[in-house]
C-alpha atoms as a PDB file:
ATOM      1  CA  MET A   1     -43.880 -15.254  25.310  1.00  0.00           C
ATOM      2  CA  SER A   2     -46.501 -15.141  28.105  1.00  0.00           C
ATOM      3  CA  GLY A   3     -47.429 -18.780  27.275  1.00  0.00           C
ATOM      4  CA  THR A   4     -43.817 -19.769  27.922  1.00  0.00           C
ATOM      5  CA  LEU A   5     -43.760 -17.984  31.182  1.00  0.00           C
ATOM      6  CA  ASP A   6     -46.923 -19.708  32.326  1.00  0.00           C
ATOM      7  CA  ALA A   7     -45.488 -23.109  31.409  1.00  0.00           C
ATOM      8  CA  LEU A   8     -42.306 -22.263  33.461  1.00  0.00           C
ATOM      9  CA  ARG A   9     -44.393 -21.285  36.458  1.00  0.00           C
ATOM     10  CA  GLN A  10     -46.385 -24.508  36.283  1.00  0.00           C
ATOM     11  CA  ALA A  11     -43.181 -26.542  35.978  1.00  0.00           C
ATOM     12  CA  ALA A  12     -41.584 -24.705  38.843  1.00  0.00           C
ATOM     13  CA  THR A  13     -44.605 -25.289  41.057  1.00  0.00           C
ATOM     14  CA  VAL A  14     -44.579 -29.044  40.437  1.00  0.00           C
ATOM     15  CA  LEU A  15     -40.798 -29.305  40.849  1.00  0.00           C
ATOM     16  CA  LEU A  16     -40.706 -27.307  44.044  1.00  0.00           C
ATOM     17  CA  ALA A  17     -43.156 -29.602  45.648  1.00  0.00           C
ATOM     18  CA  GLU A  18     -41.671 -32.914  44.509  1.00  0.00           C
ATOM     19  CA  ALA A  19     -37.925 -32.517  43.649  1.00  0.00           C
ATOM     20  CA  PRO A  20     -34.903 -31.610  45.722  1.00  0.00           C
ATOM     21  CA  LEU A  21     -33.691 -27.998  45.447  1.00  0.00           C
ATOM     22  CA  PRO A  22     -30.492 -28.638  43.293  1.00  0.00           C
ATOM     23  CA  VAL A  23     -32.627 -30.482  40.698  1.00  0.00           C
ATOM     24  CA  VAL A  24     -35.102 -27.675  40.623  1.00  0.00           C
ATOM     25  CA  ARG A  25     -32.364 -25.071  40.129  1.00  0.00           C
ATOM     26  CA  ALA A  26     -30.784 -27.032  37.342  1.00  0.00           C
ATOM     27  CA  THR A  27     -34.042 -27.616  35.539  1.00  0.00           C
ATOM     28  CA  LEU A  28     -35.067 -23.951  35.839  1.00  0.00           C
ATOM     29  CA  ARG A  29     -31.665 -22.783  34.512  1.00  0.00           C
ATOM     30  CA  ALA A  30     -32.008 -25.150  31.529  1.00  0.00           C
ATOM     31  CA  LEU A  31     -35.567 -23.973  30.829  1.00  0.00           C
ATOM     32  CA  LEU A  32     -34.584 -20.313  31.107  1.00  0.00           C
ATOM     33  CA  ALA A  33     -31.543 -20.815  28.859  1.00  0.00           C
ATOM     34  CA  ASP A  34     -33.847 -22.251  26.189  1.00  0.00           C
ATOM     35  CA  THR A  35     -36.298 -19.361  26.421  1.00  0.00           C
ATOM     36  CA  GLU A  36     -33.678 -16.639  26.604  1.00  0.00           C
ATOM     37  CA  ALA A  37     -31.838 -17.828  23.560  1.00  0.00           C
ATOM     38  CA  PRO A  38     -32.506 -15.481  20.684  1.00  0.00           C
ATOM     39  CA  PRO A  39     -34.652 -16.960  17.918  1.00  0.00           C
ATOM     40  CA  ALA A  40     -32.621 -18.427  15.091  1.00  0.00           C
ATOM     41  CA  LYS A  41     -32.121 -15.792  12.461  1.00  0.00           C
ATOM     42  CA  ALA A  42     -32.677 -16.594   8.869  1.00  0.00           C
ATOM     43  CA  ALA A  43     -29.338 -16.761   7.103  1.00  0.00           C
ATOM     44  CA  ALA A  44     -28.807 -13.334   5.677  1.00  0.00           C
ATOM     45  CA  PRO A  45     -27.527 -13.271   2.165  1.00  0.00           C
ATOM     46  CA  PRO A  46     -23.880 -12.401   1.920  1.00  0.00           C
ATOM     47  CA  PRO A  47     -23.192  -8.732   1.014  1.00  0.00           C
ATOM     48  CA  PRO A  48     -22.721  -8.263  -2.653  1.00  0.00           C
ATOM     49  CA  GLN A  49     -19.130  -8.290  -3.727  1.00  0.00           C
ATOM     50  CA  LYS A  50     -17.755  -5.502  -5.769  1.00  0.00           C
ATOM     51  CA  PRO A  51     -16.245  -6.760  -8.991  1.00  0.00           C
ATOM     52  CA  LYS A  52     -12.462  -6.681  -8.870  1.00  0.00           C
ATOM     53  CA  PRO A  53     -10.919  -4.073 -11.072  1.00  0.00           C
ATOM     54  CA  LYS A  54      -9.237  -5.532 -14.127  1.00  0.00           C
ATOM     55  CA  ALA A  55      -5.502  -5.124 -14.198  1.00  0.00           C
ATOM     56  CA  ALA A  56      -4.443  -2.649 -16.725  1.00  0.00           C
ATOM     57  CA  THR A  57      -3.001  -4.491 -19.576  1.00  0.00           C
ATOM     58  CA  PRO A  58      -0.087  -2.457 -20.929  1.00  0.00           C
ATOM     59  CA  LYS A  59       0.049  -1.874 -24.667  1.00  0.00           C
ATOM     60  CA  PRO A  60       2.711  -3.901 -26.330  1.00  0.00           C
ATOM     61  CA  ALA A  61       5.867  -1.942 -26.628  1.00  0.00           C
ATOM     62  CA  ASP A  62       6.708  -0.753 -30.118  1.00  0.00           C
ATOM     63  CA  GLY A  63      10.233  -1.599 -30.871  1.00  0.00           C
ATOM     64  CA  GLU A  64      10.435   0.980 -33.686  1.00  0.00           C
ATOM     65  CA  TRP A  65       9.178   3.768 -31.410  1.00  0.00           C
ATOM     66  CA  ASP A  66      11.593   2.694 -28.581  1.00  0.00           C
ATOM     67  CA  ALA A  67      14.523   3.065 -30.940  1.00  0.00           C
ATOM     68  CA  ARG A  68      13.170   6.324 -32.342  1.00  0.00           C
ATOM     69  CA  ARG A  69      12.659   7.936 -28.878  1.00  0.00           C
ATOM     70  CA  ARG A  70      16.242   6.990 -27.955  1.00  0.00           C
ATOM     71  CA  GLU A  71      17.411   8.762 -31.056  1.00  0.00           C
ATOM     72  CA  ILE A  72      15.401  11.851 -30.186  1.00  0.00           C
ATOM     73  CA  ARG A  73      16.744  11.955 -26.710  1.00  0.00           C
ATOM     74  CA  ALA A  74      20.340  11.525 -27.981  1.00  0.00           C
ATOM     75  CA  ALA A  75      19.747  14.378 -30.478  1.00  0.00           C
ATOM     76  CA  MET A  76      18.530  16.535 -27.646  1.00  0.00           C
ATOM     77  CA  LEU A  77      21.792  15.982 -25.775  1.00  0.00           C
ATOM     78  CA  ASP A  78      23.874  16.455 -29.004  1.00  0.00           C
ATOM     79  CA  ARG A  79      21.970  19.729 -29.827  1.00  0.00           C
ATOM     80  CA  GLY A  80      21.961  20.978 -26.233  1.00  0.00           C
ATOM     81  CA  VAL A  81      18.184  21.151 -26.231  1.00  0.00           C
ATOM     82  CA  SER A  82      16.459  20.671 -22.944  1.00  0.00           C
ATOM     83  CA  TYR A  83      12.947  19.351 -22.348  1.00  0.00           C
ATOM     84  CA  ASN A  84      11.912  22.877 -21.471  1.00  0.00           C
ATOM     85  CA  ASP A  85      13.143  24.289 -24.797  1.00  0.00           C
ATOM     86  CA  LEU A  86      11.554  21.525 -26.881  1.00  0.00           C
ATOM     87  CA  ALA A  87       8.260  21.752 -24.947  1.00  0.00           C
ATOM     88  CA  GLU A  88       8.240  25.481 -25.489  1.00  0.00           C
ATOM     89  CA  GLN A  89       8.996  25.012 -29.178  1.00  0.00           C
ATOM     90  CA  PHE A  90       6.020  22.591 -29.528  1.00  0.00           C
ATOM     91  CA  GLY A  91       3.693  24.595 -27.287  1.00  0.00           C
ATOM     92  CA  LEU A  92       3.396  21.764 -24.769  1.00  0.00           C
ATOM     93  CA  ALA A  93       3.752  21.351 -21.103  1.00  0.00           C
ATOM     94  CA  VAL A  94       7.099  19.911 -20.042  1.00  0.00           C
ATOM     95  CA  PRO A  95       5.581  16.876 -18.241  1.00  0.00           C
ATOM     96  CA  THR A  96       3.606  15.993 -21.373  1.00  0.00           C
ATOM     97  CA  LEU A  97       6.836  15.931 -23.429  1.00  0.00           C
ATOM     98  CA  ARG A  98       8.725  13.969 -20.749  1.00  0.00           C
ATOM     99  CA  HIS A  99       5.881  11.454 -20.663  1.00  0.00           C
ATOM    100  CA  ALA A 100       5.905  11.046 -24.429  1.00  0.00           C
ATOM    101  CA  LEU A 101       9.665  10.469 -24.524  1.00  0.00           C
ATOM    102  CA  GLY A 102       9.890   8.415 -21.327  1.00  0.00           C
ATOM    103  CA  ARG A 103       7.304   5.754 -22.191  1.00  0.00           C
ATOM    104  CA  ARG A 104       7.973   2.749 -24.451  1.00  0.00           C
ATOM    105  CA  GLU A 105       4.455   3.016 -25.829  1.00  0.00           C
ATOM    106  CA  PRO A 106       4.180   5.287 -28.819  1.00  0.00           C
ATOM    107  CA  PRO A 107       2.660   8.753 -28.191  1.00  0.00           C
ATOM    108  CA  THR A 108      -0.224  10.131 -30.168  1.00  0.00           C
ATOM    109  CA  ARG A 109       0.234  10.306 -33.931  1.00  0.00           C
ATOM    110  CA  ALA A 110       0.490  14.163 -33.830  1.00  0.00           C
ATOM    111  CA  MET A 111       3.138  14.126 -31.103  1.00  0.00           C
ATOM    112  CA  ARG A 112       5.116  11.463 -32.911  1.00  0.00           C
ATOM    113  CA  GLN A 113       5.015  13.441 -36.150  1.00  0.00           C
ATOM    114  CA  ARG A 114       6.201  16.602 -34.334  1.00  0.00           C
ATOM    115  CA  LEU A 115       9.066  14.758 -32.620  1.00  0.00           C
ATOM    116  CA  GLU A 116      10.178  13.025 -35.812  1.00  0.00           C
ATOM    117  CA  ALA A 117      10.038  16.248 -37.771  1.00  0.00           C
ATOM    118  CA  TRP A 118      12.193  17.912 -35.114  1.00  0.00           C
ATOM    119  CA  LEU A 119      14.622  15.021 -35.344  1.00  0.00           C
ATOM    120  CA  GLU A 120      14.913  15.269 -39.104  1.00  0.00           C
ATOM    121  CA  SER A 121      15.347  19.069 -39.118  1.00  0.00           C
ATOM    122  CA  GLU A 122      18.727  20.563 -39.080  1.00  0.00           C
ATOM    123  CA  PRO A 123      19.976  21.716 -35.692  1.00  0.00           C
ATOM    124  CA  ALA A 124      19.990  25.478 -35.167  1.00  0.00           C
ATOM    125  CA  PRO A 125      23.506  26.859 -35.451  1.00  0.00           C
ATOM    126  CA  ALA A 126      25.023  27.386 -32.096  1.00  0.00           C
ATOM    127  CA  VAL A 127      25.492  31.005 -31.227  1.00  0.00           C
ATOM    128  CA  ALA A 128      29.009  31.487 -29.906  1.00  0.00           C
ATOM    129  CA  GLU A 129      29.003  33.351 -26.620  1.00  0.00           C
ATOM    130  CA  PRO A 130      31.728  35.984 -26.251  1.00  0.00           C
ATOM    131  CA  PRO A 131      34.482  34.889 -23.922  1.00  0.00           C
ATOM    132  CA  PHE A 132      34.376  36.105 -20.420  1.00  0.00           C
ATOM    133  CA  ARG A 133      36.573  39.045 -19.704  1.00  0.00           C
ATOM    134  CA  ALA A 134      37.151  39.874 -16.103  1.00  0.00           C
ATOM    135  CA  ASN A 135      37.938  43.530 -16.694  1.00  0.00           C
ATOM    136  CA  GLY A 136      34.769  44.040 -18.736  1.00  0.00           C
ATOM    137  CA  ALA A 137      36.604  44.627 -22.042  1.00  0.00           C
ATOM    138  CA  GLY A 138      34.301  44.484 -24.976  1.00  0.00           C
ATOM    139  CA  SER A 139      31.204  45.419 -23.042  1.00  0.00           C
ATOM    140  CA  ALA A 140      29.216  48.527 -23.451  1.00  0.00           C
ATOM    141  CA  HIS A 141      29.941  49.628 -19.896  1.00  0.00           C
ATOM    142  CA  ALA A 142      33.692  49.094 -20.233  1.00  0.00           C
ATOM    143  CA  GLU A 143      34.554  52.774 -20.668  1.00  0.00           C
ATOM    144  CA  GLY A 144      32.519  53.719 -17.570  1.00  0.00           C
ATOM    145  CA  ALA A 145      34.260  50.994 -15.596  1.00  0.00           C
ATOM    146  CA  GLU A 146      37.726  52.117 -16.677  1.00  0.00           C
ATOM    147  CA  ARG A 147      36.941  55.753 -15.811  1.00  0.00           C
ATOM    148  CA  ALA A 148      35.713  54.704 -12.322  1.00  0.00           C
ATOM    149  CA  THR A 149      38.930  52.692 -11.681  1.00  0.00           C
ATOM    150  CA  ARG A 150      41.319  55.441 -12.877  1.00  0.00           C
ATOM    151  CA  GLY A 151      42.174  57.515  -9.936  1.00  0.00           C
END
């Protein structure tokens, strides 16, 4: 760098003595612009690109399972069984059961066997609830209620 400055000083001295002032200024500006320019950087290699994640390819839908899961869901409605009841019966979390019956892809073999066994089983007999009686007739507390209302 000091060699460049010495060359500039020599050029300035010669120019100042022989050239008009505007030419000296223009020349010095051009020389300074060349020396102040940063050295050319070597082309940096481009940053490594991360590989693009592969799109998840869905498993092909199983037409047989799709029909079977619809049967299971229809049987749940017919039998009055909720997802909560069925999940409790199987010892599963409710979201796991919903996921298995909501997807068109077949669930695990064990889950499918459980669901199909449940579908093939006979529905539990419905327990008839006693009719609602506003006066409490037929309940264990009916006598106490009648005594309290007699006045």
